[in-house]
N, C-alpha and C. Protein backbone atom coordinates (compact mmCIF):
# COMPACT_ATOMS: atom_id res chain seq x y z
N MET A 1 -11.95 -22.61 -21.89
CA MET A 1 -11.45 -21.54 -21.06
C MET A 1 -10.23 -20.95 -21.74
N GLY A 2 -10.17 -19.62 -21.90
CA GLY A 2 -9.06 -18.95 -22.56
C GLY A 2 -7.84 -18.85 -21.68
N LEU A 3 -6.77 -18.41 -22.27
CA LEU A 3 -5.49 -18.28 -21.57
C LEU A 3 -5.59 -17.37 -20.36
N PHE A 4 -6.33 -16.27 -20.48
CA PHE A 4 -6.41 -15.32 -19.40
C PHE A 4 -7.70 -15.42 -18.60
N SER A 5 -8.49 -16.42 -18.87
CA SER A 5 -9.71 -16.62 -18.10
C SER A 5 -9.36 -17.18 -16.74
N ARG A 6 -10.19 -16.89 -15.78
CA ARG A 6 -9.97 -17.46 -14.46
C ARG A 6 -11.30 -17.82 -13.85
N LYS A 7 -11.26 -18.81 -13.02
CA LYS A 7 -12.46 -19.23 -12.33
C LYS A 7 -12.65 -18.36 -11.11
N ASN A 8 -13.89 -18.07 -10.81
CA ASN A 8 -14.20 -17.32 -9.60
C ASN A 8 -14.28 -18.31 -8.45
N LYS A 9 -13.27 -18.29 -7.59
CA LYS A 9 -13.22 -19.24 -6.48
C LYS A 9 -14.21 -18.87 -5.38
N ASN A 10 -14.67 -17.64 -5.38
CA ASN A 10 -15.58 -17.18 -4.33
C ASN A 10 -16.98 -17.06 -4.91
N THR A 11 -17.74 -18.12 -4.82
CA THR A 11 -19.06 -18.13 -5.43
C THR A 11 -20.18 -17.83 -4.46
N ASP A 12 -19.87 -17.63 -3.19
CA ASP A 12 -20.93 -17.38 -2.22
C ASP A 12 -21.25 -15.90 -2.05
N GLY A 13 -20.55 -15.03 -2.77
CA GLY A 13 -20.85 -13.61 -2.70
C GLY A 13 -20.13 -12.87 -1.60
N ASN A 14 -19.46 -13.56 -0.69
CA ASN A 14 -18.71 -12.91 0.37
C ASN A 14 -17.29 -12.66 -0.08
N ALA A 15 -16.69 -11.60 0.41
CA ALA A 15 -15.31 -11.32 0.07
C ALA A 15 -14.42 -12.40 0.68
N SER A 16 -13.48 -12.86 -0.09
CA SER A 16 -12.58 -13.87 0.43
C SER A 16 -11.57 -13.23 1.36
N LYS A 17 -10.99 -14.03 2.22
CA LYS A 17 -10.04 -13.53 3.20
C LYS A 17 -8.84 -12.89 2.51
N SER A 18 -8.41 -13.45 1.38
CA SER A 18 -7.23 -12.95 0.70
C SER A 18 -7.48 -11.58 0.05
N ALA A 19 -8.70 -11.15 -0.06
CA ALA A 19 -9.01 -9.87 -0.69
C ALA A 19 -9.21 -8.77 0.34
N THR A 20 -8.78 -8.98 1.55
CA THR A 20 -9.00 -7.98 2.60
C THR A 20 -7.75 -7.15 2.84
N LEU A 21 -7.99 -6.01 3.42
CA LEU A 21 -6.91 -5.10 3.78
C LEU A 21 -7.23 -4.53 5.14
N LYS A 22 -6.25 -4.56 6.03
CA LYS A 22 -6.39 -3.93 7.34
C LYS A 22 -5.37 -2.81 7.41
N ILE A 23 -5.84 -1.65 7.85
CA ILE A 23 -4.96 -0.49 7.97
C ILE A 23 -5.13 0.07 9.37
N SER A 24 -4.03 0.22 10.07
CA SER A 24 -4.08 0.93 11.33
C SER A 24 -3.16 2.14 11.22
N VAL A 25 -3.60 3.24 11.80
CA VAL A 25 -2.86 4.49 11.70
C VAL A 25 -2.54 4.98 13.10
N SER A 26 -1.30 5.36 13.30
CA SER A 26 -0.91 5.99 14.55
C SER A 26 -0.14 7.26 14.21
N ASN A 27 -0.18 8.21 15.12
CA ASN A 27 0.56 9.42 14.84
C ASN A 27 1.17 10.02 16.09
N GLU A 28 2.25 10.73 15.85
CA GLU A 28 2.93 11.47 16.89
C GLU A 28 3.27 12.82 16.28
N VAL A 29 2.65 13.86 16.73
CA VAL A 29 2.75 15.21 16.18
C VAL A 29 2.40 15.15 14.70
N ALA A 30 3.33 15.39 13.78
CA ALA A 30 3.02 15.40 12.35
C ALA A 30 3.61 14.19 11.64
N GLU A 31 3.85 13.11 12.39
CA GLU A 31 4.39 11.87 11.83
C GLU A 31 3.31 10.80 11.92
N TYR A 32 2.92 10.28 10.77
CA TYR A 32 1.84 9.29 10.71
C TYR A 32 2.41 7.95 10.23
N THR A 33 2.07 6.88 10.95
CA THR A 33 2.50 5.54 10.59
C THR A 33 1.28 4.73 10.17
N PHE A 34 1.35 4.15 8.99
CA PHE A 34 0.29 3.31 8.45
C PHE A 34 0.80 1.87 8.44
N ASN A 35 0.17 1.01 9.22
CA ASN A 35 0.47 -0.42 9.20
C ASN A 35 -0.54 -1.07 8.27
N VAL A 36 -0.03 -1.64 7.19
CA VAL A 36 -0.88 -2.17 6.13
C VAL A 36 -0.74 -3.69 6.12
N GLU A 37 -1.87 -4.38 6.18
CA GLU A 37 -1.88 -5.84 6.27
C GLU A 37 -2.86 -6.43 5.26
N GLY A 38 -2.43 -7.47 4.56
CA GLY A 38 -3.31 -8.16 3.62
C GLY A 38 -2.88 -7.96 2.19
N ARG A 39 -3.84 -7.54 1.35
CA ARG A 39 -3.58 -7.33 -0.08
C ARG A 39 -3.93 -5.90 -0.45
N LEU A 40 -3.01 -5.24 -1.12
CA LEU A 40 -3.22 -3.88 -1.60
C LEU A 40 -3.36 -3.96 -3.11
N ASP A 41 -4.60 -3.96 -3.57
CA ASP A 41 -4.87 -4.16 -5.00
C ASP A 41 -5.95 -3.19 -5.47
N THR A 42 -6.48 -3.44 -6.64
CA THR A 42 -7.49 -2.56 -7.23
C THR A 42 -8.70 -2.38 -6.32
N ASN A 43 -9.10 -3.43 -5.64
CA ASN A 43 -10.28 -3.36 -4.78
C ASN A 43 -10.02 -2.68 -3.45
N THR A 44 -8.80 -2.81 -2.92
CA THR A 44 -8.52 -2.30 -1.58
C THR A 44 -7.72 -1.00 -1.54
N SER A 45 -7.05 -0.66 -2.63
CA SER A 45 -6.20 0.55 -2.62
C SER A 45 -6.96 1.84 -2.37
N PRO A 46 -8.23 1.98 -2.79
CA PRO A 46 -8.95 3.22 -2.46
C PRO A 46 -9.08 3.46 -0.95
N GLU A 47 -9.13 2.38 -0.17
CA GLU A 47 -9.23 2.52 1.28
C GLU A 47 -7.95 3.15 1.85
N LEU A 48 -6.79 2.67 1.40
CA LEU A 48 -5.53 3.25 1.86
C LEU A 48 -5.39 4.69 1.36
N GLU A 49 -5.76 4.92 0.13
CA GLU A 49 -5.68 6.27 -0.43
C GLU A 49 -6.53 7.25 0.39
N ALA A 50 -7.72 6.84 0.76
CA ALA A 50 -8.60 7.70 1.55
C ALA A 50 -8.00 8.01 2.91
N LYS A 51 -7.44 6.99 3.56
CA LYS A 51 -6.84 7.20 4.88
C LYS A 51 -5.62 8.12 4.80
N ILE A 52 -4.82 7.96 3.77
CA ILE A 52 -3.66 8.84 3.59
C ILE A 52 -4.13 10.27 3.33
N ASN A 53 -5.14 10.42 2.48
CA ASN A 53 -5.65 11.76 2.15
C ASN A 53 -6.22 12.48 3.37
N GLU A 54 -6.71 11.72 4.35
CA GLU A 54 -7.25 12.33 5.57
C GLU A 54 -6.18 13.07 6.37
N VAL A 55 -4.93 12.59 6.29
CA VAL A 55 -3.88 13.14 7.16
C VAL A 55 -2.75 13.84 6.43
N ILE A 56 -2.64 13.65 5.15
CA ILE A 56 -1.45 14.11 4.43
C ILE A 56 -1.26 15.63 4.49
N GLY A 57 -2.35 16.36 4.63
CA GLY A 57 -2.24 17.81 4.74
C GLY A 57 -1.54 18.26 6.01
N ASN A 58 -1.62 17.46 7.06
CA ASN A 58 -1.00 17.78 8.35
C ASN A 58 0.32 17.06 8.58
N ALA A 59 0.75 16.22 7.64
CA ALA A 59 1.90 15.35 7.86
C ALA A 59 3.21 15.99 7.40
N ASN A 60 4.23 15.80 8.22
CA ASN A 60 5.60 16.13 7.82
C ASN A 60 6.35 14.85 7.45
N LYS A 61 5.82 13.71 7.95
CA LYS A 61 6.43 12.42 7.65
C LYS A 61 5.36 11.35 7.60
N LEU A 62 5.42 10.54 6.56
CA LEU A 62 4.56 9.36 6.44
C LEU A 62 5.45 8.13 6.52
N ILE A 63 5.04 7.18 7.34
CA ILE A 63 5.73 5.90 7.42
C ILE A 63 4.72 4.85 7.00
N ILE A 64 5.06 4.11 5.96
CA ILE A 64 4.18 3.05 5.47
C ILE A 64 4.84 1.72 5.83
N ASP A 65 4.27 1.02 6.80
CA ASP A 65 4.82 -0.25 7.27
C ASP A 65 4.13 -1.39 6.52
N LEU A 66 4.91 -2.11 5.71
CA LEU A 66 4.36 -3.18 4.88
C LEU A 66 4.76 -4.56 5.40
N GLY A 67 5.09 -4.66 6.67
CA GLY A 67 5.54 -5.92 7.25
C GLY A 67 4.54 -7.05 7.18
N ASN A 68 3.26 -6.74 7.04
CA ASN A 68 2.22 -7.77 6.96
C ASN A 68 1.47 -7.72 5.63
N LEU A 69 2.07 -7.09 4.62
CA LEU A 69 1.43 -7.01 3.31
C LEU A 69 1.82 -8.24 2.49
N GLU A 70 0.82 -8.96 2.00
CA GLU A 70 1.04 -10.18 1.23
C GLU A 70 1.28 -9.89 -0.25
N TYR A 71 0.62 -8.84 -0.75
CA TYR A 71 0.63 -8.58 -2.20
C TYR A 71 0.35 -7.11 -2.46
N ILE A 72 0.98 -6.57 -3.50
CA ILE A 72 0.67 -5.22 -3.94
C ILE A 72 0.55 -5.22 -5.45
N SER A 73 -0.49 -4.59 -5.97
CA SER A 73 -0.69 -4.50 -7.41
C SER A 73 -0.27 -3.11 -7.89
N SER A 74 -0.42 -2.87 -9.18
CA SER A 74 -0.09 -1.55 -9.72
C SER A 74 -0.98 -0.46 -9.11
N ALA A 75 -2.19 -0.81 -8.73
CA ALA A 75 -3.07 0.16 -8.08
C ALA A 75 -2.52 0.55 -6.71
N GLY A 76 -1.99 -0.40 -5.99
CA GLY A 76 -1.36 -0.12 -4.70
C GLY A 76 -0.10 0.71 -4.87
N LEU A 77 0.69 0.38 -5.89
CA LEU A 77 1.90 1.16 -6.18
C LEU A 77 1.55 2.60 -6.50
N ARG A 78 0.45 2.79 -7.24
CA ARG A 78 0.01 4.13 -7.60
C ARG A 78 -0.33 4.96 -6.36
N VAL A 79 -0.97 4.35 -5.38
CA VAL A 79 -1.31 5.06 -4.14
C VAL A 79 -0.04 5.48 -3.41
N LEU A 80 0.92 4.56 -3.30
CA LEU A 80 2.18 4.89 -2.63
C LEU A 80 2.94 5.97 -3.38
N LEU A 81 2.97 5.88 -4.70
CA LEU A 81 3.66 6.88 -5.50
C LEU A 81 3.01 8.25 -5.34
N GLY A 82 1.69 8.30 -5.35
CA GLY A 82 0.97 9.56 -5.16
C GLY A 82 1.30 10.20 -3.82
N ALA A 83 1.34 9.39 -2.78
CA ALA A 83 1.67 9.91 -1.44
C ALA A 83 3.11 10.42 -1.42
N ALA A 84 4.02 9.68 -2.04
CA ALA A 84 5.42 10.10 -2.07
C ALA A 84 5.58 11.42 -2.82
N GLN A 85 4.83 11.60 -3.90
CA GLN A 85 4.90 12.84 -4.67
C GLN A 85 4.39 14.03 -3.86
N VAL A 86 3.31 13.84 -3.11
CA VAL A 86 2.79 14.92 -2.27
C VAL A 86 3.79 15.25 -1.17
N MET A 87 4.39 14.25 -0.58
CA MET A 87 5.33 14.46 0.52
C MET A 87 6.66 15.04 0.06
N GLU A 88 6.98 14.90 -1.19
CA GLU A 88 8.25 15.36 -1.73
C GLU A 88 8.56 16.81 -1.40
N GLY A 89 7.60 17.68 -1.50
CA GLY A 89 7.84 19.09 -1.26
C GLY A 89 7.62 19.53 0.17
N LYS A 90 7.13 18.64 1.03
CA LYS A 90 6.77 19.09 2.37
C LYS A 90 7.33 18.26 3.51
N GLY A 91 7.96 17.17 3.20
CA GLY A 91 8.48 16.29 4.24
C GLY A 91 9.06 15.05 3.63
N GLU A 92 8.84 13.91 4.29
CA GLU A 92 9.39 12.67 3.75
C GLU A 92 8.41 11.52 3.92
N MET A 93 8.57 10.53 3.06
CA MET A 93 7.81 9.30 3.16
C MET A 93 8.80 8.15 3.19
N VAL A 94 8.57 7.23 4.11
CA VAL A 94 9.43 6.07 4.30
C VAL A 94 8.57 4.82 4.19
N VAL A 95 9.09 3.81 3.50
CA VAL A 95 8.44 2.50 3.43
C VAL A 95 9.28 1.55 4.28
N ARG A 96 8.63 0.89 5.23
CA ARG A 96 9.34 0.01 6.17
C ARG A 96 8.89 -1.44 6.06
N ASN A 97 9.78 -2.32 6.50
CA ASN A 97 9.46 -3.74 6.69
C ASN A 97 8.83 -4.38 5.45
N VAL A 98 9.43 -4.16 4.31
CA VAL A 98 8.89 -4.69 3.05
C VAL A 98 9.08 -6.21 3.03
N THR A 99 7.99 -6.93 2.84
CA THR A 99 8.05 -8.39 2.77
C THR A 99 8.77 -8.83 1.50
N LYS A 100 9.20 -10.06 1.48
CA LYS A 100 9.92 -10.59 0.32
C LYS A 100 9.07 -10.49 -0.95
N ALA A 101 7.81 -10.87 -0.86
CA ALA A 101 6.92 -10.84 -2.04
C ALA A 101 6.75 -9.43 -2.57
N VAL A 102 6.57 -8.48 -1.67
CA VAL A 102 6.39 -7.08 -2.08
C VAL A 102 7.71 -6.51 -2.60
N ARG A 103 8.81 -6.89 -1.96
CA ARG A 103 10.13 -6.43 -2.41
C ARG A 103 10.41 -6.87 -3.84
N GLU A 104 10.01 -8.08 -4.19
CA GLU A 104 10.19 -8.57 -5.55
C GLU A 104 9.43 -7.70 -6.55
N ILE A 105 8.23 -7.28 -6.18
CA ILE A 105 7.44 -6.41 -7.05
C ILE A 105 8.11 -5.04 -7.16
N PHE A 106 8.58 -4.50 -6.04
CA PHE A 106 9.31 -3.22 -6.06
C PHE A 106 10.53 -3.33 -6.98
N ASP A 107 11.27 -4.43 -6.87
CA ASP A 107 12.47 -4.61 -7.68
C ASP A 107 12.14 -4.72 -9.17
N LEU A 108 11.10 -5.49 -9.49
CA LEU A 108 10.71 -5.68 -10.89
C LEU A 108 10.22 -4.38 -11.55
N THR A 109 9.55 -3.55 -10.77
CA THR A 109 8.96 -2.33 -11.33
C THR A 109 9.88 -1.11 -11.20
N GLY A 110 10.97 -1.25 -10.46
CA GLY A 110 11.86 -0.12 -10.24
C GLY A 110 11.45 0.77 -9.08
N PHE A 111 10.39 0.40 -8.38
CA PHE A 111 9.94 1.21 -7.25
C PHE A 111 10.90 1.13 -6.06
N ASN A 112 11.81 0.16 -6.09
CA ASN A 112 12.82 0.10 -5.04
C ASN A 112 13.74 1.33 -5.09
N ASN A 113 13.80 2.00 -6.24
CA ASN A 113 14.59 3.22 -6.40
C ASN A 113 13.77 4.48 -6.20
N VAL A 114 12.46 4.35 -6.08
CA VAL A 114 11.57 5.49 -5.94
C VAL A 114 11.36 5.85 -4.47
N PHE A 115 11.21 4.84 -3.64
CA PHE A 115 10.90 5.05 -2.23
C PHE A 115 12.14 4.92 -1.36
N LYS A 116 12.12 5.64 -0.25
CA LYS A 116 13.12 5.42 0.80
C LYS A 116 12.64 4.20 1.57
N ILE A 117 13.41 3.11 1.49
CA ILE A 117 13.00 1.85 2.11
C ILE A 117 13.92 1.55 3.29
N GLU A 118 13.29 1.30 4.44
CA GLU A 118 14.05 0.94 5.66
C GLU A 118 13.77 -0.49 6.03
């Protein structure tokens, strides 16, 4: 087994619990809140991107609540960055309740300086 090889722990063909993402969206006028739970990675980030794209045209404010997010990969960061760039000219985007694990990733990548974090 090579240095970067990994064993597939999920051999039954079902998605493992750790690879899931739950997103709930609430809105008040043009303010949309996304509660993101689980893992935001290459497999799950398209789901968040699609949900954001559904509302971003009508949004003056996006709130991304990461209080239940266990992990974020570069793919997840890309989705958040894309949303922040779209909102830059038309309103604001806020990231809330960043967990310790996600905060460490934000700090390592410099994204702690990119987003307004509450």
